[in-house]
Amino acid sequence: MKLNAPKKITWWISLVLAIIAIIVYFTKFLGSLEPHVFIILLVAFILLWLGTFVKGL
């Protein structure tokens, strides 16, 4: 199995999504996103995982 480094934009998008999820979870800043924190964090990690395993993403 060959791993690739994700592109910078993929890494930044996943980082921003993870930070948003963490901020919403701890501060309840965006109350409308609170029920979806787990999904947002899951999407961030799946995007990072895809960036590692799929070449060119």
PDB file of N, CA and C in Angstrom:
ATOM      1  N   MET A   1       0.849  -1.166   0.000  1.00  0.00           N
ATOM      2  CA  MET A   1       0.000   0.000   0.000  1.00  0.00           C
ATOM      3  C   MET A   1       0.901   1.236   0.000  1.00  0.00           C
ATOM      4  N   LYS A   2       0.688   2.111  -0.960  1.00  0.00           N
ATOM      5  CA  LYS A   2       1.497   3.310  -1.076  1.00  0.00           C
ATOM      6  C   LYS A   2       0.692   4.512  -0.582  1.00  0.00           C
ATOM      7  N   LEU A   3       1.251   5.227   0.381  1.00  0.00           N
ATOM      8  CA  LEU A   3       0.590   6.403   0.929  1.00  0.00           C
ATOM      9  C   LEU A   3       1.135   7.655   0.257  1.00  0.00           C
ATOM     10  N   ASN A   4       0.265   8.635   0.088  1.00  0.00           N
ATOM     11  CA  ASN A   4       0.641   9.910  -0.509  1.00  0.00           C
ATOM     12  C   ASN A   4       0.346  11.026   0.478  1.00  0.00           C
ATOM     13  N   ALA A   5       1.120  12.081   0.399  1.00  0.00           N
ATOM     14  CA  ALA A   5       0.825  13.251   1.211  1.00  0.00           C
ATOM     15  C   ALA A   5      -0.371  13.970   0.593  1.00  0.00           C
ATOM     16  N   PRO A   6      -1.348  14.364   1.400  1.00  0.00           N
ATOM     17  CA  PRO A   6      -2.494  15.086   0.838  1.00  0.00           C
ATOM     18  C   PRO A   6      -2.061  16.469   0.350  1.00  0.00           C
ATOM     19  N   LYS A   7      -2.806  17.003  -0.610  1.00  0.00           N
ATOM     20  CA  LYS A   7      -2.517  18.353  -1.079  1.00  0.00           C
ATOM     21  C   LYS A   7      -2.764  19.338   0.057  1.00  0.00           C
ATOM     22  N   LYS A   8      -2.154  20.496  -0.058  1.00  0.00           N
ATOM     23  CA  LYS A   8      -2.289  21.496   1.001  1.00  0.00           C
ATOM     24  C   LYS A   8      -3.737  21.924   1.190  1.00  0.00           C
ATOM     25  N   ILE A   9      -4.479  22.092   0.116  1.00  0.00           N
ATOM     26  CA  ILE A   9      -5.867  22.553   0.232  1.00  0.00           C
ATOM     27  C   ILE A   9      -6.723  21.501   0.924  1.00  0.00           C
ATOM     28  N   THR A  10      -6.466  20.231   0.659  1.00  0.00           N
ATOM     29  CA  THR A  10      -7.204  19.154   1.330  1.00  0.00           C
ATOM     30  C   THR A  10      -6.904  19.168   2.816  1.00  0.00           C
ATOM     31  N   TRP A  11      -5.648  19.349   3.160  1.00  0.00           N
ATOM     32  CA  TRP A  11      -5.248  19.381   4.558  1.00  0.00           C
ATOM     33  C   TRP A  11      -5.872  20.570   5.275  1.00  0.00           C
ATOM     34  N   TRP A  12      -5.855  21.747   4.637  1.00  0.00           N
ATOM     35  CA  TRP A  12      -6.418  22.950   5.263  1.00  0.00           C
ATOM     36  C   TRP A  12      -7.928  22.839   5.439  1.00  0.00           C
ATOM     37  N   ILE A  13      -8.625  22.289   4.453  1.00  0.00           N
ATOM     38  CA  ILE A  13     -10.084  22.139   4.573  1.00  0.00           C
ATOM     39  C   ILE A  13     -10.421  21.206   5.721  1.00  0.00           C
ATOM     40  N   SER A  14      -9.717  20.092   5.829  1.00  0.00           N
ATOM     41  CA  SER A  14      -9.996  19.168   6.928  1.00  0.00           C
ATOM     42  C   SER A  14      -9.643  19.790   8.274  1.00  0.00           C
ATOM     43  N   LEU A  15      -8.580  20.578   8.330  1.00  0.00           N
ATOM     44  CA  LEU A  15      -8.217  21.253   9.571  1.00  0.00           C
ATOM     45  C   LEU A  15      -9.286  22.261   9.984  1.00  0.00           C
ATOM     46  N   VAL A  16      -9.772  23.057   9.056  1.00  0.00           N
ATOM     47  CA  VAL A  16     -10.804  24.047   9.355  1.00  0.00           C
ATOM     48  C   VAL A  16     -12.085  23.367   9.822  1.00  0.00           C
ATOM     49  N   LEU A  17     -12.488  22.282   9.168  1.00  0.00           N
ATOM     50  CA  LEU A  17     -13.677  21.554   9.597  1.00  0.00           C
ATOM     51  C   LEU A  17     -13.515  21.001  11.008  1.00  0.00           C
ATOM     52  N   ALA A  18     -12.354  20.461  11.316  1.00  0.00           N
ATOM     53  CA  ALA A  18     -12.112  19.918  12.647  1.00  0.00           C
ATOM     54  C   ALA A  18     -12.125  21.025  13.701  1.00  0.00           C
ATOM     55  N   ILE A  19     -11.535  22.158  13.406  1.00  0.00           N
ATOM     56  CA  ILE A  19     -11.534  23.275  14.346  1.00  0.00           C
ATOM     57  C   ILE A  19     -12.942  23.798  14.577  1.00  0.00           C
ATOM     58  N   ILE A  20     -13.728  23.902  13.517  1.00  0.00           N
ATOM     59  CA  ILE A  20     -15.122  24.337  13.665  1.00  0.00           C
ATOM     60  C   ILE A  20     -15.891  23.376  14.563  1.00  0.00           C
ATOM     61  N   ALA A  21     -15.706  22.086  14.341  1.00  0.00           N
ATOM     62  CA  ALA A  21     -16.403  21.088  15.155  1.00  0.00           C
ATOM     63  C   ALA A  21     -15.995  21.190  16.619  1.00  0.00           C
ATOM     64  N   ILE A  22     -14.722  21.372  16.885  1.00  0.00           N
ATOM     65  CA  ILE A  22     -14.254  21.468  18.268  1.00  0.00           C
ATOM     66  C   ILE A  22     -14.761  22.737  18.935  1.00  0.00           C
ATOM     67  N   ILE A  23     -14.733  23.847  18.224  1.00  0.00           N
ATOM     68  CA  ILE A  23     -15.236  25.108  18.789  1.00  0.00           C
ATOM     69  C   ILE A  23     -16.719  25.014  19.102  1.00  0.00           C
ATOM     70  N   VAL A  24     -17.496  24.463  18.191  1.00  0.00           N
ATOM     71  CA  VAL A  24     -18.942  24.328  18.421  1.00  0.00           C
ATOM     72  C   VAL A  24     -19.209  23.400  19.593  1.00  0.00           C
ATOM     73  N   TYR A  25     -18.451  22.321  19.706  1.00  0.00           N
ATOM     74  CA  TYR A  25     -18.666  21.361  20.790  1.00  0.00           C
ATOM     75  C   TYR A  25     -18.413  21.981  22.162  1.00  0.00           C
ATOM     76  N   PHE A  26     -17.331  22.728  22.299  1.00  0.00           N
ATOM     77  CA  PHE A  26     -16.961  23.253  23.608  1.00  0.00           C
ATOM     78  C   PHE A  26     -17.612  24.583  23.956  1.00  0.00           C
ATOM     79  N   THR A  27     -17.965  25.412  22.968  1.00  0.00           N
ATOM     80  CA  THR A  27     -18.494  26.736  23.281  1.00  0.00           C
ATOM     81  C   THR A  27     -19.965  26.900  22.948  1.00  0.00           C
ATOM     82  N   LYS A  28     -20.519  26.004  22.178  1.00  0.00           N
ATOM     83  CA  LYS A  28     -21.919  26.111  21.724  1.00  0.00           C
ATOM     84  C   LYS A  28     -22.135  27.426  20.968  1.00  0.00           C
ATOM     85  N   PHE A  29     -21.065  27.885  20.277  1.00  0.00           N
ATOM     86  CA  PHE A  29     -21.088  29.170  19.567  1.00  0.00           C
ATOM     87  C   PHE A  29     -22.117  29.175  18.445  1.00  0.00           C
ATOM     88  N   LEU A  30     -22.112  28.185  17.612  1.00  0.00           N
ATOM     89  CA  LEU A  30     -23.086  28.063  16.530  1.00  0.00           C
ATOM     90  C   LEU A  30     -24.060  26.954  16.919  1.00  0.00           C
ATOM     91  N   GLY A  31     -25.104  27.326  17.614  1.00  0.00           N
ATOM     92  CA  GLY A  31     -26.038  26.349  18.159  1.00  0.00           C
ATOM     93  C   GLY A  31     -26.696  25.467  17.117  1.00  0.00           C
ATOM     94  N   SER A  32     -26.856  25.987  15.906  1.00  0.00           N
ATOM     95  CA  SER A  32     -27.507  25.196  14.862  1.00  0.00           C
ATOM     96  C   SER A  32     -26.624  24.041  14.378  1.00  0.00           C
ATOM     97  N   LEU A  33     -25.313  24.154  14.571  1.00  0.00           N
ATOM     98  CA  LEU A  33     -24.399  23.086  14.160  1.00  0.00           C
ATOM     99  C   LEU A  33     -24.152  22.066  15.259  1.00  0.00           C
ATOM    100  N   GLU A  34     -24.610  22.362  16.458  1.00  0.00           N
ATOM    101  CA  GLU A  34     -24.307  21.493  17.598  1.00  0.00           C
ATOM    102  C   GLU A  34     -24.726  20.038  17.399  1.00  0.00           C
ATOM    103  N   PRO A  35     -25.900  19.744  16.841  1.00  0.00           N
ATOM    104  CA  PRO A  35     -26.251  18.328  16.645  1.00  0.00           C
ATOM    105  C   PRO A  35     -25.399  17.623  15.587  1.00  0.00           C
ATOM    106  N   HIS A  36     -24.675  18.380  14.785  1.00  0.00           N
ATOM    107  CA  HIS A  36     -23.922  17.813  13.673  1.00  0.00           C
ATOM    108  C   HIS A  36     -22.411  17.820  13.897  1.00  0.00           C
ATOM    109  N   VAL A  37     -21.968  18.045  15.125  1.00  0.00           N
ATOM    110  CA  VAL A  37     -20.538  18.138  15.424  1.00  0.00           C
ATOM    111  C   VAL A  37     -19.819  16.849  15.058  1.00  0.00           C
ATOM    112  N   PHE A  38     -20.388  15.717  15.429  1.00  0.00           N
ATOM    113  CA  PHE A  38     -19.737  14.442  15.136  1.00  0.00           C
ATOM    114  C   PHE A  38     -19.606  14.234  13.634  1.00  0.00           C
ATOM    115  N   ILE A  39     -20.641  14.559  12.870  1.00  0.00           N
ATOM    116  CA  ILE A  39     -20.611  14.392  11.418  1.00  0.00           C
ATOM    117  C   ILE A  39     -19.553  15.308  10.795  1.00  0.00           C
ATOM    118  N   ILE A  40     -19.464  16.544  11.268  1.00  0.00           N
ATOM    119  CA  ILE A  40     -18.474  17.487  10.732  1.00  0.00           C
ATOM    120  C   ILE A  40     -17.062  16.976  10.991  1.00  0.00           C
ATOM    121  N   LEU A  41     -16.812  16.495  12.205  1.00  0.00           N
ATOM    122  CA  LEU A  41     -15.495  15.966  12.530  1.00  0.00           C
ATOM    123  C   LEU A  41     -15.196  14.696  11.739  1.00  0.00           C
ATOM    124  N   LEU A  42     -16.198  13.862  11.554  1.00  0.00           N
ATOM    125  CA  LEU A  42     -16.026  12.648  10.755  1.00  0.00           C
ATOM    126  C   LEU A  42     -15.700  12.991   9.305  1.00  0.00           C
ATOM    127  N   VAL A  43     -16.366  13.970   8.737  1.00  0.00           N
ATOM    128  CA  VAL A  43     -16.086  14.404   7.365  1.00  0.00           C
ATOM    129  C   VAL A  43     -14.659  14.927   7.257  1.00  0.00           C
ATOM    130  N   ALA A  44     -14.198  15.669   8.267  1.00  0.00           N
ATOM    131  CA  ALA A  44     -12.833  16.189   8.248  1.00  0.00           C
ATOM    132  C   ALA A  44     -11.817  15.052   8.206  1.00  0.00           C
ATOM    133  N   PHE A  45     -12.024  14.031   9.039  1.00  0.00           N
ATOM    134  CA  PHE A  45     -11.070  12.929   9.064  1.00  0.00           C
ATOM    135  C   PHE A  45     -11.173  12.044   7.824  1.00  0.00           C
ATOM    136  N   ILE A  46     -12.358  11.869   7.291  1.00  0.00           N
ATOM    137  CA  ILE A  46     -12.499  11.091   6.053  1.00  0.00           C
ATOM    138  C   ILE A  46     -11.817  11.818   4.897  1.00  0.00           C
ATOM    139  N   LEU A  47     -11.971  13.136   4.839  1.00  0.00           N
ATOM    140  CA  LEU A  47     -11.309  13.922   3.797  1.00  0.00           C
ATOM    141  C   LEU A  47      -9.793  13.797   3.907  1.00  0.00           C
ATOM    142  N   LEU A  48      -9.273  13.865   5.127  1.00  0.00           N
ATOM    143  CA  LEU A  48      -7.842  13.701   5.322  1.00  0.00           C
ATOM    144  C   LEU A  48      -7.388  12.296   4.966  1.00  0.00           C
ATOM    145  N   TRP A  49      -8.171  11.299   5.309  1.00  0.00           N
ATOM    146  CA  TRP A  49      -7.861   9.915   4.968  1.00  0.00           C
ATOM    147  C   TRP A  49      -7.845   9.715   3.454  1.00  0.00           C
ATOM    148  N   LEU A  50      -8.854  10.269   2.772  1.00  0.00           N
ATOM    149  CA  LEU A  50      -8.898  10.163   1.309  1.00  0.00           C
ATOM    150  C   LEU A  50      -7.708  10.865   0.674  1.00  0.00           C
ATOM    151  N   GLY A  51      -7.332  12.016   1.230  1.00  0.00           N
ATOM    152  CA  GLY A  51      -6.171  12.732   0.710  1.00  0.00           C
ATOM    153  C   GLY A  51      -4.884  11.942   0.853  1.00  0.00           C
ATOM    154  N   THR A  52      -4.835  11.054   1.836  1.00  0.00           N
ATOM    155  CA  THR A  52      -3.652  10.233   2.042  1.00  0.00           C
ATOM    156  C   THR A  52      -3.643   9.015   1.135  1.00  0.00           C
ATOM    157  N   PHE A  53      -4.796   8.433   0.885  1.00  0.00           N
ATOM    158  CA  PHE A  53      -4.855   7.177   0.129  1.00  0.00           C
ATOM    159  C   PHE A  53      -5.156   7.338  -1.358  1.00  0.00           C
ATOM    160  N   VAL A  54      -5.718   8.456  -1.770  1.00  0.00           N
ATOM    161  CA  VAL A  54      -6.048   8.677  -3.178  1.00  0.00           C
ATOM    162  C   VAL A  54      -5.054   9.677  -3.754  1.00  0.00           C
ATOM    163  N   LYS A  55      -4.361   9.280  -4.788  1.00  0.00           N
ATOM    164  CA  LYS A  55      -3.357  10.148  -5.373  1.00  0.00           C
ATOM    165  C   LYS A  55      -4.036  11.328  -6.087  1.00  0.00           C
ATOM    166  N   GLY A  56      -3.543  12.523  -5.820  1.00  0.00           N
ATOM    167  CA  GLY A  56      -4.056  13.715  -6.475  1.00  0.00           C
ATOM    168  C   GLY A  56      -5.178  14.410  -5.732  1.00  0.00           C
ATOM    169  N   LEU A  57      -5.523  13.955  -4.547  1.00  0.00           N
ATOM    170  CA  LEU A  57      -6.612  14.606  -3.805  1.00  0.00           C
ATOM    171  C   LEU A  57      -6.051  15.441  -2.690  1.00  0.00           C
TER     172      LEU A  57
END
